[in-house]
Amino acid sequence: MGISELQGYASFVMTLFLVIMLYGYIIHLYRSEKKGERDYEKYGNIALDDEITSTPVEDKPASQRYKEENK
């Protein structure tokens, strides 16, 4: 087993790992939007609506909201 063969296997394993991570992240986003935890379309509009007078996407920081939910 030469170094080039080992690099081929490592490349395949790394690609497979990254594909699994990508699909896991996509599933996480889909589930959290379905549950109503976050609305990711609002975040997508940040680039389009970037005026100084525009309303914030969220009214509270996530850390404060997390503390209030877990009391």
PDB file of N, CA and C in Angstrom:
ATOM      1  N   MET A   1       0.864  -1.171   0.000  1.00  0.00           N
ATOM      2  CA  MET A   1       0.000   0.000   0.000  1.00  0.00           C
ATOM      3  C   MET A   1       0.907   1.229   0.000  1.00  0.00           C
ATOM      4  N   GLY A   2       0.839   1.968  -1.090  1.00  0.00           N
ATOM      5  CA  GLY A   2       1.653   3.167  -1.210  1.00  0.00           C
ATOM      6  C   GLY A   2       0.945   4.381  -0.640  1.00  0.00           C
ATOM      7  N   ILE A   3       1.667   5.474  -0.625  1.00  0.00           N
ATOM      8  CA  ILE A   3       1.111   6.718  -0.081  1.00  0.00           C
ATOM      9  C   ILE A   3      -0.033   7.243  -0.947  1.00  0.00           C
ATOM     10  N   SER A   4       0.044   7.044  -2.248  1.00  0.00           N
ATOM     11  CA  SER A   4      -1.031   7.543  -3.125  1.00  0.00           C
ATOM     12  C   SER A   4      -2.327   6.768  -2.896  1.00  0.00           C
ATOM     13  N   GLU A   5      -2.211   5.471  -2.634  1.00  0.00           N
ATOM     14  CA  GLU A   5      -3.406   4.683  -2.356  1.00  0.00           C
ATOM     15  C   GLU A   5      -4.012   5.093  -1.008  1.00  0.00           C
ATOM     16  N   LEU A   6      -3.168   5.341  -0.035  1.00  0.00           N
ATOM     17  CA  LEU A   6      -3.629   5.802   1.272  1.00  0.00           C
ATOM     18  C   LEU A   6      -4.300   7.169   1.171  1.00  0.00           C
ATOM     19  N   GLN A   7      -3.751   8.055   0.343  1.00  0.00           N
ATOM     20  CA  GLN A   7      -4.365   9.366   0.131  1.00  0.00           C
ATOM     21  C   GLN A   7      -5.720   9.235  -0.549  1.00  0.00           C
ATOM     22  N   GLY A   8      -5.870   8.292  -1.447  1.00  0.00           N
ATOM     23  CA  GLY A   8      -7.147   8.053  -2.111  1.00  0.00           C
ATOM     24  C   GLY A   8      -8.206   7.601  -1.135  1.00  0.00           C
ATOM     25  N   TYR A   9      -7.846   6.671  -0.248  1.00  0.00           N
ATOM     26  CA  TYR A   9      -8.791   6.212   0.768  1.00  0.00           C
ATOM     27  C   TYR A   9      -9.155   7.337   1.732  1.00  0.00           C
ATOM     28  N   ALA A  10      -8.167   8.107   2.137  1.00  0.00           N
ATOM     29  CA  ALA A  10      -8.420   9.217   3.062  1.00  0.00           C
ATOM     30  C   ALA A  10      -9.325  10.261   2.417  1.00  0.00           C
ATOM     31  N   SER A  11      -9.109  10.529   1.152  1.00  0.00           N
ATOM     32  CA  SER A  11      -9.941  11.491   0.441  1.00  0.00           C
ATOM     33  C   SER A  11     -11.382  11.006   0.346  1.00  0.00           C
ATOM     34  N   PHE A  12     -11.556   9.727   0.068  1.00  0.00           N
ATOM     35  CA  PHE A  12     -12.900   9.158  -0.022  1.00  0.00           C
ATOM     36  C   PHE A  12     -13.607   9.215   1.327  1.00  0.00           C
ATOM     37  N   VAL A  13     -12.913   8.845   2.398  1.00  0.00           N
ATOM     38  CA  VAL A  13     -13.508   8.855   3.731  1.00  0.00           C
ATOM     39  C   VAL A  13     -13.861  10.278   4.142  1.00  0.00           C
ATOM     40  N   MET A  14     -12.993  11.224   3.856  1.00  0.00           N
ATOM     41  CA  MET A  14     -13.253  12.621   4.218  1.00  0.00           C
ATOM     42  C   MET A  14     -14.446  13.173   3.438  1.00  0.00           C
ATOM     43  N   THR A  15     -14.527  12.849   2.165  1.00  0.00           N
ATOM     44  CA  THR A  15     -15.664  13.295   1.358  1.00  0.00           C
ATOM     45  C   THR A  15     -16.961  12.696   1.883  1.00  0.00           C
ATOM     46  N   LEU A  16     -16.933  11.427   2.218  1.00  0.00           N
ATOM     47  CA  LEU A  16     -18.115  10.770   2.760  1.00  0.00           C
ATOM     48  C   LEU A  16     -18.529  11.399   4.087  1.00  0.00           C
ATOM     49  N   PHE A  17     -17.566  11.692   4.951  1.00  0.00           N
ATOM     50  CA  PHE A  17     -17.840  12.336   6.233  1.00  0.00           C
ATOM     51  C   PHE A  17     -18.474  13.711   6.037  1.00  0.00           C
ATOM     52  N   LEU A  18     -17.926  14.502   5.120  1.00  0.00           N
ATOM     53  CA  LEU A  18     -18.460  15.844   4.884  1.00  0.00           C
ATOM     54  C   LEU A  18     -19.855  15.811   4.277  1.00  0.00           C
ATOM     55  N   VAL A  19     -20.137  14.842   3.429  1.00  0.00           N
ATOM     56  CA  VAL A  19     -21.478  14.701   2.852  1.00  0.00           C
ATOM     57  C   VAL A  19     -22.481  14.356   3.948  1.00  0.00           C
ATOM     58  N   ILE A  20     -22.093  13.463   4.851  1.00  0.00           N
ATOM     59  CA  ILE A  20     -22.986  13.091   5.959  1.00  0.00           C
ATOM     60  C   ILE A  20     -23.235  14.299   6.856  1.00  0.00           C
ATOM     61  N   MET A  21     -22.192  15.085   7.140  1.00  0.00           N
ATOM     62  CA  MET A  21     -22.352  16.276   7.967  1.00  0.00           C
ATOM     63  C   MET A  21     -23.260  17.305   7.287  1.00  0.00           C
ATOM     64  N   LEU A  22     -23.114  17.480   5.981  1.00  0.00           N
ATOM     65  CA  LEU A  22     -23.951  18.422   5.241  1.00  0.00           C
ATOM     66  C   LEU A  22     -25.417  18.018   5.298  1.00  0.00           C
ATOM     67  N   TYR A  23     -25.702  16.744   5.049  1.00  0.00           N
ATOM     68  CA  TYR A  23     -27.087  16.291   5.102  1.00  0.00           C
ATOM     69  C   TYR A  23     -27.649  16.375   6.516  1.00  0.00           C
ATOM     70  N   GLY A  24     -26.825  16.125   7.522  1.00  0.00           N
ATOM     71  CA  GLY A  24     -27.269  16.270   8.903  1.00  0.00           C
ATOM     72  C   GLY A  24     -27.631  17.706   9.224  1.00  0.00           C
ATOM     73  N   TYR A  25     -26.826  18.644   8.726  1.00  0.00           N
ATOM     74  CA  TYR A  25     -27.101  20.064   8.954  1.00  0.00           C
ATOM     75  C   TYR A  25     -28.379  20.494   8.238  1.00  0.00           C
ATOM     76  N   ILE A  26     -28.586  20.012   7.027  1.00  0.00           N
ATOM     77  CA  ILE A  26     -29.797  20.337   6.283  1.00  0.00           C
ATOM     78  C   ILE A  26     -31.026  19.795   7.011  1.00  0.00           C
ATOM     79  N   ILE A  27     -30.933  18.580   7.529  1.00  0.00           N
ATOM     80  CA  ILE A  27     -32.051  17.998   8.284  1.00  0.00           C
ATOM     81  C   ILE A  27     -32.308  18.794   9.547  1.00  0.00           C
ATOM     82  N   HIS A  28     -31.243  19.224  10.225  1.00  0.00           N
ATOM     83  CA  HIS A  28     -31.399  20.042  11.433  1.00  0.00           C
ATOM     84  C   HIS A  28     -32.120  21.347  11.122  1.00  0.00           C
ATOM     85  N   LEU A  29     -31.730  22.014  10.050  1.00  0.00           N
ATOM     86  CA  LEU A  29     -32.394  23.264   9.668  1.00  0.00           C
ATOM     87  C   LEU A  29     -33.863  23.032   9.342  1.00  0.00           C
ATOM     88  N   TYR A  30     -34.150  21.980   8.610  1.00  0.00           N
ATOM     89  CA  TYR A  30     -35.521  21.674   8.227  1.00  0.00           C
ATOM     90  C   TYR A  30     -36.384  21.381   9.450  1.00  0.00           C
ATOM     91  N   ARG A  31     -35.862  20.575  10.376  1.00  0.00           N
ATOM     92  CA  ARG A  31     -36.643  20.218  11.566  1.00  0.00           C
ATOM     93  C   ARG A  31     -36.878  21.413  12.478  1.00  0.00           C
ATOM     94  N   SER A  32     -35.855  22.249  12.658  1.00  0.00           N
ATOM     95  CA  SER A  32     -36.039  23.394  13.555  1.00  0.00           C
ATOM     96  C   SER A  32     -36.995  24.415  12.948  1.00  0.00           C
ATOM     97  N   GLU A  33     -37.036  24.517  11.632  1.00  0.00           N
ATOM     98  CA  GLU A  33     -38.006  25.423  11.013  1.00  0.00           C
ATOM     99  C   GLU A  33     -39.412  24.847  11.089  1.00  0.00           C
ATOM    100  N   LYS A  34     -39.542  23.525  10.966  1.00  0.00           N
ATOM    101  CA  LYS A  34     -40.850  22.887  11.076  1.00  0.00           C
ATOM    102  C   LYS A  34     -41.422  23.010  12.485  1.00  0.00           C
ATOM    103  N   LYS A  35     -40.549  22.918  13.505  1.00  0.00           N
ATOM    104  CA  LYS A  35     -40.988  23.038  14.892  1.00  0.00           C
ATOM    105  C   LYS A  35     -41.353  24.470  15.258  1.00  0.00           C
ATOM    106  N   GLY A  36     -40.913  25.416  14.465  1.00  0.00           N
ATOM    107  CA  GLY A  36     -41.206  26.811  14.744  1.00  0.00           C
ATOM    108  C   GLY A  36     -40.172  27.476  15.624  1.00  0.00           C
ATOM    109  N   GLU A  37     -39.023  26.849  15.807  1.00  0.00           N
ATOM    110  CA  GLU A  37     -37.979  27.439  16.639  1.00  0.00           C
ATOM    111  C   GLU A  37     -37.343  28.653  15.964  1.00  0.00           C
ATOM    112  N   ARG A  38     -37.112  28.562  14.682  1.00  0.00           N
ATOM    113  CA  ARG A  38     -36.503  29.661  13.931  1.00  0.00           C
ATOM    114  C   ARG A  38     -37.154  29.757  12.558  1.00  0.00           C
ATOM    115  N   ASP A  39     -37.160  30.964  12.024  1.00  0.00           N
ATOM    116  CA  ASP A  39     -37.627  31.178  10.663  1.00  0.00           C
ATOM    117  C   ASP A  39     -36.429  31.648   9.853  1.00  0.00           C
ATOM    118  N   TYR A  40     -35.822  30.725   9.131  1.00  0.00           N
ATOM    119  CA  TYR A  40     -34.582  31.028   8.434  1.00  0.00           C
ATOM    120  C   TYR A  40     -34.785  31.918   7.212  1.00  0.00           C
ATOM    121  N   GLU A  41     -36.008  32.072   6.740  1.00  0.00           N
ATOM    122  CA  GLU A  41     -36.245  32.983   5.631  1.00  0.00           C
ATOM    123  C   GLU A  41     -36.024  34.431   6.050  1.00  0.00           C
ATOM    124  N   LYS A  42     -36.257  34.739   7.320  1.00  0.00           N
ATOM    125  CA  LYS A  42     -35.970  36.083   7.820  1.00  0.00           C
ATOM    126  C   LYS A  42     -34.483  36.376   7.733  1.00  0.00           C
ATOM    127  N   TYR A  43     -33.672  35.390   8.069  1.00  0.00           N
ATOM    128  CA  TYR A  43     -32.226  35.577   7.988  1.00  0.00           C
ATOM    129  C   TYR A  43     -31.768  35.734   6.541  1.00  0.00           C
ATOM    130  N   GLY A  44     -32.451  35.097   5.624  1.00  0.00           N
ATOM    131  CA  GLY A  44     -32.106  35.226   4.219  1.00  0.00           C
ATOM    132  C   GLY A  44     -32.400  36.615   3.681  1.00  0.00           C
ATOM    133  N   ASN A  45     -33.345  37.317   4.300  1.00  0.00           N
ATOM    134  CA  ASN A  45     -33.690  38.660   3.843  1.00  0.00           C
ATOM    135  C   ASN A  45     -32.765  39.747   4.400  1.00  0.00           C
ATOM    136  N   ILE A  46     -31.830  39.373   5.262  1.00  0.00           N
ATOM    137  CA  ILE A  46     -30.920  40.366   5.829  1.00  0.00           C
ATOM    138  C   ILE A  46     -30.113  41.044   4.733  1.00  0.00           C
ATOM    139  N   ALA A  47     -29.665  40.296   3.751  1.00  0.00           N
ATOM    140  CA  ALA A  47     -28.853  40.872   2.680  1.00  0.00           C
ATOM    141  C   ALA A  47     -29.678  41.824   1.814  1.00  0.00           C
ATOM    142  N   LEU A  48     -30.973  41.577   1.701  1.00  0.00           N
ATOM    143  CA  LEU A  48     -31.803  42.430   0.862  1.00  0.00           C
ATOM    144  C   LEU A  48     -32.286  43.676   1.596  1.00  0.00           C
ATOM    145  N   ASP A  49     -32.538  43.536   2.887  1.00  0.00           N
ATOM    146  CA  ASP A  49     -33.069  44.643   3.678  1.00  0.00           C
ATOM    147  C   ASP A  49     -32.026  45.034   4.720  1.00  0.00           C
ATOM    148  N   ASP A  50     -31.031  45.806   4.314  1.00  0.00           N
ATOM    149  CA  ASP A  50     -29.941  46.133   5.218  1.00  0.00           C
ATOM    150  C   ASP A  50     -29.887  47.626   5.556  1.00  0.00           C
ATOM    151  N   GLU A  51     -31.031  48.245   5.629  1.00  0.00           N
ATOM    152  CA  GLU A  51     -31.086  49.657   6.012  1.00  0.00           C
ATOM    153  C   GLU A  51     -30.846  49.797   7.511  1.00  0.00           C
ATOM    154  N   ILE A  52     -30.379  50.940   7.928  1.00  0.00           N
ATOM    155  CA  ILE A  52     -30.137  51.191   9.340  1.00  0.00           C
ATOM    156  C   ILE A  52     -31.444  51.286  10.115  1.00  0.00           C
ATOM    157  N   THR A  53     -32.518  51.640   9.443  1.00  0.00           N
ATOM    158  CA  THR A  53     -33.817  51.795  10.107  1.00  0.00           C
ATOM    159  C   THR A  53     -34.661  50.526  10.059  1.00  0.00           C
ATOM    160  N   SER A  54     -34.181  49.456   9.435  1.00  0.00           N
ATOM    161  CA  SER A  54     -34.978  48.234   9.346  1.00  0.00           C
ATOM    162  C   SER A  54     -35.047  47.545  10.703  1.00  0.00           C
ATOM    163  N   THR A  55     -36.109  46.790  10.905  1.00  0.00           N
ATOM    164  CA  THR A  55     -36.318  46.121  12.196  1.00  0.00           C
ATOM    165  C   THR A  55     -35.380  44.926  12.318  1.00  0.00           C
ATOM    166  N   PRO A  56     -34.977  44.610  13.538  1.00  0.00           N
ATOM    167  CA  PRO A  56     -34.109  43.438  13.735  1.00  0.00           C
ATOM    168  C   PRO A  56     -34.843  42.141  13.415  1.00  0.00           C
ATOM    169  N   VAL A  57     -34.083  41.129  13.098  1.00  0.00           N
ATOM    170  CA  VAL A  57     -34.672  39.829  12.798  1.00  0.00           C
ATOM    171  C   VAL A  57     -35.254  39.226  14.070  1.00  0.00           C
ATOM    172  N   GLU A  58     -34.503  39.319  15.163  1.00  0.00           N
ATOM    173  CA  GLU A  58     -34.973  38.832  16.457  1.00  0.00           C
ATOM    174  C   GLU A  58     -34.930  39.984  17.445  1.00  0.00           C
ATOM    175  N   ASP A  59     -35.929  40.047  18.303  1.00  0.00           N
ATOM    176  CA  ASP A  59     -35.976  41.138  19.257  1.00  0.00           C
ATOM    177  C   ASP A  59     -35.100  40.895  20.479  1.00  0.00           C
ATOM    178  N   LYS A  60     -34.803  39.634  20.798  1.00  0.00           N
ATOM    179  CA  LYS A  60     -33.961  39.306  21.940  1.00  0.00           C
ATOM    180  C   LYS A  60     -32.769  38.480  21.468  1.00  0.00           C
ATOM    181  N   PRO A  61     -31.643  38.629  22.132  1.00  0.00           N
ATOM    182  CA  PRO A  61     -30.527  37.727  21.811  1.00  0.00           C
ATOM    183  C   PRO A  61     -30.887  36.287  22.153  1.00  0.00           C
ATOM    184  N   ALA A  62     -30.306  35.365  21.459  1.00  0.00           N
ATOM    185  CA  ALA A  62     -30.643  33.955  21.651  1.00  0.00           C
ATOM    186  C   ALA A  62     -30.317  33.489  23.057  1.00  0.00           C
ATOM    187  N   SER A  63     -29.278  34.033  23.667  1.00  0.00           N
ATOM    188  CA  SER A  63     -28.917  33.593  25.013  1.00  0.00           C
ATOM    189  C   SER A  63     -29.988  33.986  26.026  1.00  0.00           C
ATOM    190  N   GLN A  64     -30.575  35.175  25.897  1.00  0.00           N
ATOM    191  CA  GLN A  64     -31.635  35.581  26.817  1.00  0.00           C
ATOM    192  C   GLN A  64     -32.888  34.737  26.613  1.00  0.00           C
ATOM    193  N   ARG A  65     -33.222  34.461  25.374  1.00  0.00           N
ATOM    194  CA  ARG A  65     -34.397  33.664  25.077  1.00  0.00           C
ATOM    195  C   ARG A  65     -34.216  32.246  25.624  1.00  0.00           C
ATOM    196  N   TYR A  66     -33.021  31.700  25.528  1.00  0.00           N
ATOM    197  CA  TYR A  66     -32.744  30.366  26.025  1.00  0.00           C
ATOM    198  C   TYR A  66     -32.884  30.321  27.546  1.00  0.00           C
ATOM    199  N   LYS A  67     -32.406  31.355  28.228  1.00  0.00           N
ATOM    200  CA  LYS A  67     -32.526  31.394  29.684  1.00  0.00           C
ATOM    201  C   LYS A  67     -33.980  31.478  30.120  1.00  0.00           C
ATOM    202  N   GLU A  68     -34.787  32.257  29.412  1.00  0.00           N
ATOM    203  CA  GLU A  68     -36.194  32.409  29.771  1.00  0.00           C
ATOM    204  C   GLU A  68     -36.976  31.124  29.514  1.00  0.00           C
ATOM    205  N   GLU A  69     -36.649  30.396  28.461  1.00  0.00           N
ATOM    206  CA  GLU A  69     -37.362  29.164  28.147  1.00  0.00           C
ATOM    207  C   GLU A  69     -37.046  28.065  29.146  1.00  0.00           C
ATOM    208  N   ASN A  70     -35.858  28.061  29.714  1.00  0.00           N
ATOM    209  CA  ASN A  70     -35.432  26.972  30.604  1.00  0.00           C
ATOM    210  C   ASN A  70     -35.623  27.273  32.079  1.00  0.00           C
ATOM    211  N   LYS A  71     -36.357  28.318  32.405  1.00  0.00           N
ATOM    212  CA  LYS A  71     -36.611  28.629  33.826  1.00  0.00           C
ATOM    213  C   LYS A  71     -37.692  27.747  34.364  1.00  0.00           C
TER     214      LYS A  71
END
